[in-house]
Amino acid sequence: MTTTSITILGLGPGSFNDLTLQARALLAQAAQDKQTVYFRTIIHPTVEVLRSELPTLHIESFDQLYDTSADWTTLYSQIAEEVCTLAAQQPIIYAVPGHPLMGESSVQLVLKLARSRQLSTRIVAGLSFLEPVCTALELDPFDAGTQIIDATSLATLDTSEVAGKIIPTTPLLVTQVYNRRLASAVKLSLGELYPDEWPVKLVRAAGVGSDEMIIESQLYELDRQNYANHLSTLYVPPLDELAALRLPETLRYITMRLRRDPDGCPWDRQQTHQSLMRYVLEETYEVVEALEENDMEKLAEELGDLLLQVYLHAEVARQEGDFTLGDVLEHINAKLIRRHPHVFGDVEVSNADQVNQNWEAIKRQERAKAGKDVKNESILDGVPPASPALMVSQEYQKRVVRQGFAFATIDGIYAKLAEELEEIRQASTQAELQEEIGDLFFVISELARWHKVDAEAALRQANHKFRLRFKSMEKVAREEGRQLTSYSREEWIALWQQAKH
């Protein structure tokens, strides 16, 4: 019979009466054999009873690591390392609160590390924390779709990751909120999704007779009182769908409601892809404006307006049976993964130029797979002709330069500028003027590309600067009680110089 290297034993939620017969027998045998039992923590009511019931049981714990570890991930990694190191020398018992596979991050790390070191493991089940906690809360976790997350896992999430892990419109149980410091970290993480004043319940010592407590508070108060201990679980009730304002799913729900017949919005229900087209452009330019003004608060708002357009078009398409928001997300996620093999695969690159080369090669493969005639396509294909003209011009020039079609020196560009200006002077018809001025713009965009300047952005910046200066001149005119048309040329020049400063 093969000897198990690591036996992981569940102590139950807190009451000694909840310790399973199998666990009791195993602990009694360990006491008889004078085998040391390693507890993740001895701050557990069952351990106190074991000391009196099995006085010969040799108990060791990892409680000292709670005060010395830099963070919770490090803490459980250290416990897993010590457990596996001990098990490599002789079989050991590792005892944890509750059920070993219910909300026990340390156990998952032990199992993973044990597999990598060819150490056999065995799970001795215990009553989990879930039964007494749900009993105390009168909560059916399956009916409500309750989420469960370990406090240490939640606390180590970056704020940008919280929304991807927690669905605030379903009940949430946060396990092992064992001290004030961890309660504070949990509060900050949950604050990404829930209002500060959201009511929460801290369930302490669930199922342990008179020790059981339910402390009700608001989320922001979670760490203000020292109620958390090793038997604490936080219950967070669900938000209403319209209250979960930081969730992408809420925006999907709102757009669906707006277009729902007959109780949606009459205006939104009338919209089509074609009628919404202008708003996509409008919101895009408002995003650009916020960027150019470096107004981050405005940018956040405008990005939301632009995102709404994506959701609206997806909802229109869903109602017409064309595609869904899921299709939109699948397309972009798959594309990003596919086109970044140096991030999500095993391709190696050393600079951005190689990334661009790979990107174009992958796009070509995609077009070929889609049945397009890639052998006869132009390198200029794929640039949306409806894009801003300067942007299209620079993109064309970037592409042909990669093929070697370029001015040898910048002097050649300046010479070409002079040539185009002269051709404008000599143009005799409106059609010739339009053509030559277009050529001039094309050369100017190449000059900008040479200097690594975005021609479109540069012109927008010039427009913005002109607008500010002219508005300053208008202000002066109002202060002087004059009409703009009353100024002489000399006065205009003076006003302009004043506005520049």
Foldseek 3Di string as FASTA:
>chain_A
DDDALEEEEECELADNVQHDPVRVVVQLVCLVVLAEAEEQDCPGNNNVVCCVVRVSHHYHYLVVLVVVDPADVRSLLVVLVVSLVVSVVPHYYYYYYAFLPPLPPSSVNNVVVCVVVVGGYHGHTTHGLVVLVCVVVVHDCVVQVEAEHELRVLLPDDLVCLLVRDDQQTKYKYAQCAWLVSLVSNLVSCVSFDPQQAKKWKWFSRPHPPRTDIDIGGSVCRNVDTPHRRSIMMIGHHDDLCRRVNHPVSLLVLLLQQCDPPRHPPVLVPDAPVNCVVQLVVLVVQLVVCVVVVPVVSNVVSVVSNVSSVSSNQSNCVVVVNHHVVVVVVVVVVLVLQLPCCVNNVDPDDDVVVSVVSNVVSVLVVCVVVVDPSVPDDLLPPDPPPPPPLQSLLVVVVSVVVVVPDDPDVVVLVVVLVVLVVQCVVDDDPVSNVVSVVVNSSSVSVNCVVVVHRPVVVVVVVVVLVVQLVVQLVVVCVVVVHDPVVDDPVRVVVSSVVSVD
